[in-house]
Amino acid sequence: MAGKTLQEWIDEAKHWALKARDIAAKCEKEDRDFTAEETAELREHMAKAVAAKAEIEKLKGNDELRRTLAELGDDIALDAKTDDDGTRRTASGFQLPSRKKTLGQEFIETPEYKALMGQATDGRFGAKQRVQSGLAGFKSLVTGGSDTSAGAFVVPDQLGLQVGLDSFKRPLRLRDLVTPGTTTSDSVEYVRMTSYTNNAAPVPEATSSANPTAPGGAGALVPNAGGGYKPESGLAAVKINTAVKTIAHWMPITKRAISDAAQVVTLIDAFLRYGLEEELEDQMVQGDGTGENFEGVANVSGVQSQAWDTNAFTTLRKAKTKVRTVGRSIPNGVLVNPVDLETLDLLQDNENRYYFGGPAGVGSAQTVWNMPIIETEAVPAGTAYVGDWRKAILWDRQQATIQMTDSHMDFFVRNLVVILAEMRAAFGVIQPSAFVEVDLAA
């Protein structure tokens, strides 16, 4: 490679950049991600373009270098700009694929965080700082990102504590079952349906113009024969006012540690934000409605109950019937503790065959009586909840936000920082009879 002229290096840089651009243009036209082969080729082409660019830098002065790079800008994605809507484009307007970011990754890219880190020298900060992201949380617990969006210029992520923290997570799925809502107030007023009366019936044509009702015994009004009297139906409802509750937790971290951006991302995404969602699920099920607790399904007046009957299958089937007949709803999920799900998995017929395939099957029970099984530790062992979870609403007032400060207690003089995660939400059950608390203890 040595001995090439400046123009030859420029031509080589353009050559490899154009080959990389052709691959990206093809994928954009076909509206798809890069294949594994295309990814390898793209990285190779861009690596060669970067190497040629490095040789150009050695041969040119600063002023001339800037002019040359401007000329290359249309062909090399090094000078990509970001539009107001977050779209990355080259100087020629070519749109580059974007990469989704987690809450933690977005947090460390906020101007406040960067400003704080810019004042750090050998682990020291010049003044008390407070960093807050204005970023909203996400409904799904796990967010993903494309590894094909930035080619050879992306530095691989350092996962840090990611693997270790994953060991302490449990699957969270209840948020996906309930009806999502939002509120901009500190309290939510809604109507809870407690019962209904349906007296609809065929009515004969009126044969008399007389008052359709007449006094009967004890002054009661009774239908007058021939009056074409229509029966009356009704709904019983109660107005409920529930306050928005705050769920939060924090953890200390040294100022030296927060200089490792990858570690901060992990702490936010894999621990702090997850912790909020875990407590939220617990509150939606077991909250007792006192103090700052939600009124969870387990403590809502009017929720039906189903006692143990013969075996778990029979008991759950009877609970489903109650949701259909009394609640007049269609159950869309069964919340079961992992211990009780194990019991279901191990049930056998009279010939000692497992109902769900046993150890050679494809996995644990996914449905029972055509109802999806939701395995969660929010439900105590020996209890299950069958219901139409669309009849419960979660109102998000403030989704997950992150704040960081060293002004807590004596943290400033001890070179410690607090990372605080919090969210605000309200929860309500609009039809208690659409849920059944099931006793699975034989």
Protein backbone atom coordinates (compact mmCIF):
# COMPACT_ATOMS: atom_id res chain seq x y z
CA MET A 1 0.00 0.00 0.00
CA ALA A 2 2.94 2.29 0.55
CA GLY A 3 4.05 4.58 -2.26
CA LYS A 4 0.60 5.53 -3.58
CA THR A 5 -0.02 9.10 -4.50
CA LEU A 6 -2.56 11.33 -2.79
CA GLN A 7 -4.95 11.07 -5.73
CA GLU A 8 -4.66 7.29 -5.75
CA TRP A 9 -5.62 7.18 -2.07
CA ILE A 10 -8.57 9.49 -2.75
CA ASP A 11 -9.70 7.29 -5.64
CA GLU A 12 -9.37 4.17 -3.49
CA ALA A 13 -11.39 5.71 -0.65
CA LYS A 14 -14.13 6.65 -3.09
CA HIS A 15 -14.07 3.18 -4.65
CA TRP A 16 -14.70 1.33 -1.40
CA ALA A 17 -17.18 3.91 -0.14
CA LEU A 18 -19.23 3.60 -3.33
CA LYS A 19 -19.29 -0.20 -3.03
CA ALA A 20 -20.55 0.12 0.53
CA ARG A 21 -23.15 2.67 -0.55
CA ASP A 22 -24.42 0.32 -3.28
CA ILE A 23 -25.07 -2.38 -0.69
CA ALA A 24 -26.92 0.03 1.59
CA ALA A 25 -28.95 1.44 -1.32
CA LYS A 26 -30.00 -2.05 -2.38
CA CYS A 27 -31.23 -2.93 1.11
CA GLU A 28 -33.06 0.39 1.43
CA LYS A 29 -34.78 -0.11 -1.93
CA GLU A 30 -35.89 -3.62 -0.91
CA ASP A 31 -36.93 -2.32 2.55
CA ARG A 32 -35.01 -4.93 4.52
CA ASP A 33 -32.03 -5.36 6.85
CA PHE A 34 -28.60 -6.44 5.69
CA THR A 35 -27.96 -10.16 5.32
CA ALA A 36 -25.01 -11.68 7.16
CA GLU A 37 -23.03 -11.74 3.92
CA GLU A 38 -23.88 -8.13 3.12
CA THR A 39 -22.95 -7.08 6.63
CA ALA A 40 -19.52 -8.69 6.28
CA GLU A 41 -18.97 -7.07 2.87
CA LEU A 42 -20.12 -3.68 4.14
CA ARG A 43 -17.74 -3.79 7.09
CA GLU A 44 -14.87 -4.84 4.84
CA HIS A 45 -15.52 -2.07 2.29
CA MET A 46 -15.85 0.63 4.93
CA ALA A 47 -12.77 -0.58 6.77
CA LYS A 48 -10.79 -0.19 3.54
CA ALA A 49 -12.29 3.25 2.97
CA VAL A 50 -11.27 4.30 6.47
CA ALA A 51 -7.77 2.95 5.96
CA ALA A 52 -7.47 4.96 2.73
CA LYS A 53 -8.79 8.04 4.52
CA ALA A 54 -6.07 7.62 7.15
CA GLU A 55 -3.43 7.63 4.43
CA ILE A 56 -5.00 10.80 2.97
CA GLU A 57 -4.67 12.49 6.34
CA LYS A 58 -0.97 11.71 6.42
CA LEU A 59 -0.40 13.35 3.05
CA LYS A 60 -2.53 16.48 3.28
CA GLY A 61 -2.53 19.61 5.40
CA ASN A 62 -5.51 20.42 7.56
CA ASP A 63 -7.11 22.96 5.22
CA GLU A 64 -6.72 20.84 2.13
CA LEU A 65 -7.85 17.78 4.09
CA ARG A 66 -11.14 19.44 5.05
CA ARG A 67 -11.82 20.32 1.41
CA THR A 68 -11.11 16.78 0.30
CA LEU A 69 -13.34 15.26 2.98
CA ALA A 70 -16.13 17.59 1.91
CA GLU A 71 -15.75 16.22 -1.62
CA LEU A 72 -15.89 12.69 -0.23
CA GLY A 73 -18.89 13.46 1.97
CA ASP A 74 -21.40 12.43 -0.68
CA ASP A 75 -19.79 9.03 -0.99
CA ILE A 76 -18.64 8.20 2.52
CA ALA A 77 -21.13 8.11 5.38
CA LEU A 78 -18.56 9.63 7.74
CA ASP A 79 -20.21 13.05 7.41
CA ALA A 80 -23.75 11.79 8.01
CA LYS A 81 -26.08 14.38 9.51
CA THR A 82 -29.13 13.79 11.71
CA ASP A 83 -32.44 15.44 10.79
CA ASP A 84 -34.79 16.94 13.36
CA ASP A 85 -36.82 13.71 13.30
CA GLY A 86 -33.71 11.62 14.07
CA THR A 87 -33.15 10.37 10.49
CA ARG A 88 -29.45 10.02 9.59
CA ARG A 89 -28.47 11.13 6.08
CA THR A 90 -25.29 11.64 4.07
CA ALA A 91 -24.44 15.04 2.63
CA SER A 92 -26.13 13.95 -0.61
CA GLY A 93 -29.38 13.18 1.22
CA PHE A 94 -28.99 9.39 1.26
CA GLN A 95 -30.91 7.99 4.26
CA LEU A 96 -28.97 5.69 6.55
CA PRO A 97 -30.62 2.92 8.60
CA SER A 98 -31.19 3.87 12.23
CA ARG A 99 -30.53 1.90 15.35
CA LYS A 100 -33.07 1.64 18.16
CA LYS A 101 -31.81 2.68 21.55
CA THR A 102 -32.80 1.63 25.02
CA LEU A 103 -33.76 4.07 27.76
CA GLY A 104 -30.29 3.77 29.27
CA GLN A 105 -28.53 4.43 25.99
CA GLU A 106 -30.67 7.49 25.33
CA PHE A 107 -30.00 8.74 28.88
CA ILE A 108 -26.21 8.75 28.52
CA GLU A 109 -26.58 10.69 25.27
CA THR A 110 -28.60 13.51 26.84
CA PRO A 111 -26.87 16.91 26.90
CA GLU A 112 -27.12 16.96 30.70
CA TYR A 113 -25.27 13.69 31.13
CA LYS A 114 -22.60 14.69 28.63
CA ALA A 115 -22.19 18.04 30.36
CA LEU A 116 -21.78 16.32 33.71
CA MET A 117 -19.20 13.91 32.33
CA GLY A 118 -17.40 16.81 30.65
CA GLN A 119 -16.77 18.36 34.06
CA ALA A 120 -15.31 15.20 35.52
CA THR A 121 -11.56 15.13 36.03
CA ASP A 122 -10.00 12.10 37.68
CA GLY A 123 -13.39 11.17 39.15
CA ARG A 124 -14.08 14.69 40.48
CA PHE A 125 -16.88 17.09 39.61
CA GLY A 126 -16.70 20.85 39.90
CA ALA A 127 -20.22 21.51 41.17
CA LYS A 128 -23.35 19.76 42.28
CA GLN A 129 -25.09 18.36 39.26
CA ARG A 130 -28.53 16.99 38.55
CA VAL A 131 -29.24 15.06 35.39
CA GLN A 132 -32.75 14.20 34.31
CA SER A 133 -33.85 12.57 31.11
CA GLY A 134 -37.10 13.65 29.58
CA LEU A 135 -37.45 10.26 27.96
CA ALA A 136 -40.57 8.14 28.25
CA GLY A 137 -40.43 4.47 29.13
CA PHE A 138 -41.52 1.63 26.87
CA LYS A 139 -44.45 -0.75 27.16
CA SER A 140 -42.66 -3.91 26.18
CA LEU A 141 -40.12 -4.94 28.80
CA VAL A 142 -37.28 -5.72 26.44
CA THR A 143 -36.30 -3.42 23.56
CA GLY A 144 -34.12 -4.50 20.65
CA GLY A 145 -31.79 -2.78 18.19
CA SER A 146 -30.45 -3.53 14.74
CA ASP A 147 -26.81 -4.54 14.49
CA THR A 148 -26.75 -3.65 10.80
CA SER A 149 -27.34 0.07 10.96
CA ALA A 150 -23.90 1.60 11.26
CA GLY A 151 -21.46 -0.59 9.39
CA ALA A 152 -17.80 -0.59 10.31
CA PHE A 153 -17.97 2.67 12.25
CA VAL A 154 -19.93 1.26 15.21
CA VAL A 155 -17.86 0.42 18.27
CA PRO A 156 -19.14 -2.88 19.75
CA ASP A 157 -21.23 -2.42 22.92
CA GLN A 158 -19.58 -3.36 26.18
CA LEU A 159 -22.27 -5.31 28.02
CA GLY A 160 -20.70 -4.97 31.45
CA LEU A 161 -23.13 -6.36 34.06
CA GLN A 162 -25.82 -7.33 31.55
CA VAL A 163 -25.47 -11.10 31.84
CA GLY A 164 -25.30 -11.13 35.62
CA LEU A 165 -28.34 -8.90 36.12
CA ASP A 166 -30.47 -10.94 33.71
CA SER A 167 -30.24 -13.81 36.18
CA PHE A 168 -32.47 -11.93 38.62
CA LYS A 169 -35.24 -11.04 36.18
CA ARG A 170 -38.60 -12.74 35.93
CA PRO A 171 -40.81 -12.58 32.81
CA LEU A 172 -43.35 -9.72 33.01
CA ARG A 173 -46.47 -10.05 30.84
CA LEU A 174 -49.45 -8.66 32.76
CA ARG A 175 -49.00 -5.15 31.35
CA ASP A 176 -49.61 -6.62 27.89
CA LEU A 177 -52.98 -8.09 28.97
CA VAL A 178 -54.64 -5.11 30.63
CA THR A 179 -56.10 -2.17 28.75
CA PRO A 180 -53.50 0.61 28.39
CA GLY A 181 -54.43 4.20 29.14
CA THR A 182 -52.86 7.57 29.90
CA THR A 183 -53.73 10.47 32.17
CA THR A 184 -52.42 13.97 32.72
CA SER A 185 -54.03 14.31 36.15
CA ASP A 186 -53.02 13.16 39.64
CA SER A 187 -56.24 11.17 40.02
CA VAL A 188 -58.54 9.17 37.75
CA GLU A 189 -62.32 8.97 38.16
CA TYR A 190 -64.04 6.07 36.43
CA VAL A 191 -67.26 4.06 36.58
CA ARG A 192 -67.13 0.52 37.96
CA MET A 193 -69.96 -1.74 36.84
CA THR A 194 -71.14 -3.88 39.76
CA SER A 195 -74.24 -5.61 38.35
CA TYR A 196 -76.92 -5.44 35.69
CA THR A 197 -80.54 -6.50 35.30
CA ASN A 198 -81.85 -7.53 31.89
CA ASN A 199 -85.64 -7.78 31.82
CA ALA A 200 -86.00 -7.55 28.07
CA ALA A 201 -89.09 -9.55 26.96
CA PRO A 202 -91.68 -9.65 24.19
CA VAL A 203 -94.41 -7.09 24.79
CA PRO A 204 -97.97 -7.31 23.43
CA GLU A 205 -99.55 -4.42 21.60
CA ALA A 206 -101.52 -2.02 23.80
CA THR A 207 -105.27 -2.59 23.66
CA SER A 208 -106.23 0.24 25.96
CA SER A 209 -105.31 3.89 26.35
CA ALA A 210 -105.61 3.62 30.10
CA ASN A 211 -102.61 4.22 32.33
CA PRO A 212 -100.33 1.21 31.81
CA THR A 213 -99.95 0.80 35.59
CA ALA A 214 -102.49 0.76 38.35
CA PRO A 215 -102.29 0.63 42.15
CA GLY A 216 -102.08 -2.84 43.56
CA GLY A 217 -101.67 -4.26 47.03
CA ALA A 218 -99.88 -2.02 49.54
CA GLY A 219 -99.95 0.78 46.96
CA ALA A 220 -97.56 -0.96 44.58
CA LEU A 221 -97.93 -0.32 40.87
CA VAL A 222 -98.75 -3.34 38.74
CA PRO A 223 -99.10 -3.60 34.95
CA ASN A 224 -102.58 -2.82 33.72
CA ALA A 225 -103.92 -5.51 31.46
CA GLY A 226 -103.99 -4.38 27.88
CA GLY A 227 -101.67 -1.47 28.50
CA GLY A 228 -98.68 -2.74 26.46
CA TYR A 229 -96.43 -2.29 29.52
CA LYS A 230 -92.65 -2.56 28.78
CA PRO A 231 -90.35 -4.16 31.38
CA GLU A 232 -87.54 -2.11 32.90
CA SER A 233 -83.86 -3.11 32.95
CA GLY A 234 -80.98 -1.42 34.65
CA LEU A 235 -77.30 -1.26 35.47
CA ALA A 236 -75.71 -0.84 38.89
CA ALA A 237 -72.57 1.23 38.89
CA VAL A 238 -70.38 3.07 41.36
CA LYS A 239 -68.05 5.98 40.76
CA ILE A 240 -64.46 5.23 41.73
CA ASN A 241 -61.70 7.76 42.23
CA THR A 242 -58.18 6.36 42.27
CA ALA A 243 -55.05 8.40 42.86
CA VAL A 244 -51.98 8.22 40.67
CA LYS A 245 -49.23 6.43 42.59
CA THR A 246 -45.47 6.80 42.34
CA ILE A 247 -43.23 3.75 42.04
CA ALA A 248 -39.54 4.52 42.46
CA HIS A 249 -36.18 3.22 43.64
CA TRP A 250 -32.58 4.36 43.50
CA MET A 251 -29.08 3.08 43.90
CA PRO A 252 -25.74 4.68 44.69
CA ILE A 253 -22.78 4.56 42.33
CA THR A 254 -19.32 6.07 42.51
CA LYS A 255 -18.45 8.96 40.22
CA ARG A 256 -15.60 6.91 38.84
CA ALA A 257 -18.02 4.15 37.90
CA ILE A 258 -20.39 6.43 36.01
CA SER A 259 -17.58 7.35 33.64
CA ASP A 260 -18.16 3.86 32.21
CA ALA A 261 -21.16 4.65 30.01
CA ALA A 262 -21.79 0.99 29.17
CA GLN A 263 -22.18 0.19 32.85
CA VAL A 264 -24.63 3.04 33.36
CA VAL A 265 -26.74 1.79 30.45
CA THR A 266 -26.86 -1.66 32.02
CA LEU A 267 -27.83 -0.37 35.46
CA ILE A 268 -30.70 1.65 33.98
CA ASP A 269 -32.07 -0.86 31.48
CA ALA A 270 -31.37 -4.17 33.20
CA PHE A 271 -32.00 -3.21 36.83
CA LEU A 272 -33.62 0.13 37.63
CA ARG A 273 -36.25 0.25 34.87
CA TYR A 274 -36.97 -3.45 35.19
CA GLY A 275 -37.48 -3.05 38.96
CA LEU A 276 -40.25 -0.51 38.35
CA GLU A 277 -42.10 -2.88 36.03
CA GLU A 278 -41.78 -5.80 38.45
CA GLU A 279 -43.30 -3.79 41.30
CA LEU A 280 -46.01 -2.50 38.96
CA GLU A 281 -47.07 -6.06 38.15
CA ASP A 282 -47.12 -6.97 41.86
CA GLN A 283 -49.29 -3.94 42.61
CA MET A 284 -51.80 -4.70 39.84
CA VAL A 285 -52.39 -8.13 41.35
CA GLN A 286 -51.80 -7.84 45.12
CA GLY A 287 -52.01 -4.11 45.93
CA ASP A 288 -54.21 -3.65 49.02
CA GLY A 289 -55.36 -0.11 48.22
CA THR A 290 -53.93 1.39 51.42
CA GLY A 291 -51.40 4.18 51.57
CA GLU A 292 -49.51 4.40 48.30
CA ASN A 293 -50.53 0.93 47.11
CA PHE A 294 -52.74 0.23 44.10
CA GLU A 295 -56.05 -1.52 44.56
CA GLY A 296 -55.05 -4.80 42.94
CA VAL A 297 -57.38 -7.43 41.54
CA ALA A 298 -56.95 -9.58 44.66
CA ASN A 299 -58.50 -6.87 46.84
CA VAL A 300 -61.26 -5.45 44.63
CA SER A 301 -64.75 -5.97 45.99
CA GLY A 302 -66.94 -7.99 43.62
CA VAL A 303 -64.26 -10.29 42.23
CA GLN A 304 -65.69 -13.81 42.13
CA SER A 305 -64.14 -16.84 43.83
CA GLN A 306 -63.83 -20.48 42.88
CA ALA A 307 -63.11 -23.14 45.51
CA TRP A 308 -60.99 -26.22 44.83
CA ASP A 309 -62.97 -28.90 43.01
CA THR A 310 -61.54 -32.37 42.23
CA ASN A 311 -58.33 -31.23 40.48
CA ALA A 312 -56.69 -28.17 39.00
CA PHE A 313 -58.22 -28.71 35.56
CA THR A 314 -61.76 -28.97 36.90
CA THR A 315 -61.29 -25.99 39.19
CA LEU A 316 -59.97 -23.74 36.43
CA ARG A 317 -62.75 -24.83 34.06
CA LYS A 318 -65.40 -23.89 36.60
CA ALA A 319 -63.72 -20.51 37.06
CA LYS A 320 -63.88 -19.93 33.31
CA THR A 321 -67.60 -20.68 33.39
CA LYS A 322 -68.13 -18.04 36.08
CA VAL A 323 -66.37 -15.42 33.99
CA ARG A 324 -68.66 -16.29 31.07
CA THR A 325 -71.98 -16.67 32.89
CA VAL A 326 -71.75 -14.24 35.82
CA GLY A 327 -69.22 -11.81 34.42
CA ARG A 328 -70.62 -12.11 30.89
CA SER A 329 -67.06 -11.78 29.62
CA ILE A 330 -64.54 -13.83 27.68
CA PRO A 331 -61.45 -14.71 29.77
CA ASN A 332 -58.20 -13.92 28.00
CA GLY A 333 -55.64 -15.11 30.54
CA VAL A 334 -54.92 -17.20 33.64
CA LEU A 335 -52.36 -15.87 36.11
CA VAL A 336 -50.55 -18.79 37.75
CA ASN A 337 -47.62 -19.00 40.16
CA PRO A 338 -44.60 -21.00 38.86
CA VAL A 339 -45.19 -23.61 41.58
CA ASP A 340 -48.76 -24.22 40.40
CA LEU A 341 -47.68 -24.27 36.77
CA GLU A 342 -45.28 -27.05 37.70
CA THR A 343 -48.24 -28.95 39.16
CA LEU A 344 -50.14 -28.57 35.90
CA ASP A 345 -47.13 -29.71 33.89
CA LEU A 346 -46.79 -32.86 36.01
CA LEU A 347 -50.44 -33.94 35.87
CA GLN A 348 -50.93 -37.38 34.32
CA ASP A 349 -53.86 -39.39 32.99
CA ASN A 350 -54.88 -42.87 34.14
CA GLU A 351 -52.09 -44.39 32.05
CA ASN A 352 -49.40 -42.15 33.61
CA ARG A 353 -49.10 -40.00 30.50
CA TYR A 354 -48.39 -36.31 30.98
CA TYR A 355 -51.13 -34.05 29.66
CA PHE A 356 -48.63 -31.48 28.39
CA GLY A 357 -46.01 -33.78 26.91
CA GLY A 358 -43.85 -34.36 29.98
CA PRO A 359 -40.06 -34.02 29.99
CA ALA A 360 -39.89 -34.97 26.29
CA GLY A 361 -42.47 -32.35 25.31
CA VAL A 362 -41.77 -29.03 23.65
CA GLY A 363 -42.30 -27.04 26.87
CA SER A 364 -44.58 -26.16 29.73
CA ALA A 365 -48.32 -25.73 29.41
CA GLN A 366 -49.10 -22.62 27.37
CA THR A 367 -52.89 -22.78 27.54
CA VAL A 368 -55.52 -24.43 29.70
CA TRP A 369 -59.12 -24.71 28.49
CA ASN A 370 -58.10 -22.47 25.58
CA MET A 371 -56.99 -19.70 27.96
CA PRO A 372 -53.37 -18.44 27.78
CA ILE A 373 -51.35 -19.19 30.92
CA ILE A 374 -49.42 -16.25 32.37
CA GLU A 375 -46.71 -17.47 34.74
CA THR A 376 -45.98 -14.82 37.36
CA GLU A 377 -44.66 -14.59 40.89
CA ALA A 378 -47.09 -11.73 41.52
CA VAL A 379 -49.65 -14.45 42.31
CA PRO A 380 -49.04 -16.44 45.52
CA ALA A 381 -48.69 -20.20 45.25
CA GLY A 382 -52.02 -21.98 45.60
CA THR A 383 -53.96 -19.17 43.93
CA ALA A 384 -54.74 -18.31 40.33
CA TYR A 385 -56.73 -15.55 38.64
CA VAL A 386 -58.94 -16.19 35.63
CA GLY A 387 -60.40 -13.15 33.96
CA ASP A 388 -61.00 -10.82 31.10
CA TRP A 389 -58.01 -8.58 31.73
CA ARG A 390 -59.31 -6.04 29.24
CA LYS A 391 -61.73 -5.05 32.02
CA ALA A 392 -58.75 -3.69 33.99
CA ILE A 393 -57.03 -0.44 32.98
CA LEU A 394 -53.52 0.85 33.65
CA TRP A 395 -53.24 4.62 33.27
CA ASP A 396 -49.68 5.87 32.71
CA ARG A 397 -49.15 9.33 34.21
CA GLN A 398 -45.37 9.39 33.87
CA GLN A 399 -43.52 6.48 32.36
CA ALA A 400 -40.03 5.52 33.49
CA THR A 401 -37.69 8.50 33.95
CA ILE A 402 -34.11 8.60 35.21
CA GLN A 403 -32.47 11.26 37.41
CA MET A 404 -28.91 11.44 38.69
CA THR A 405 -27.48 13.73 41.38
CA ASP A 406 -24.68 13.96 43.93
CA SER A 407 -26.66 16.21 46.31
CA HIS A 408 -28.01 13.33 48.40
CA MET A 409 -26.81 13.38 52.05
CA ASP A 410 -22.99 13.59 52.05
CA PHE A 411 -22.55 12.01 48.62
CA PHE A 412 -20.92 15.15 47.19
CA VAL A 413 -17.90 14.90 49.50
CA ARG A 414 -17.73 11.12 49.14
CA ASN A 415 -17.68 11.12 45.33
CA LEU A 416 -20.94 9.19 45.16
CA VAL A 417 -23.94 9.71 42.89
CA VAL A 418 -27.58 8.61 43.16
CA ILE A 419 -29.33 7.20 40.10
CA LEU A 420 -33.10 7.41 40.65
CA ALA A 421 -35.74 5.69 38.53
CA GLU A 422 -39.42 6.42 38.97
CA MET A 423 -42.78 6.16 37.26
CA ARG A 424 -46.32 7.28 38.06
CA ALA A 425 -49.46 5.33 37.21
CA ALA A 426 -52.99 4.44 38.32
CA PHE A 427 -54.83 1.14 38.09
CA GLY A 428 -58.52 0.30 38.10
CA VAL A 429 -60.87 -2.65 37.60
CA ILE A 430 -63.98 -1.53 35.76
CA GLN A 431 -65.87 -4.83 36.06
CA PRO A 432 -64.91 -6.98 39.07
CA SER A 433 -67.28 -9.81 38.09
CA ALA A 434 -65.12 -10.44 35.01
CA PHE A 435 -62.43 -11.89 37.32
CA VAL A 436 -62.34 -15.02 39.46
CA GLU A 437 -59.90 -15.79 42.27
CA VAL A 438 -59.21 -19.53 42.08
CA ASP A 439 -58.15 -21.75 44.99
CA LEU A 440 -55.65 -24.29 43.62
CA ALA A 441 -54.74 -25.74 47.00
CA ALA A 442 -56.12 -29.27 47.18
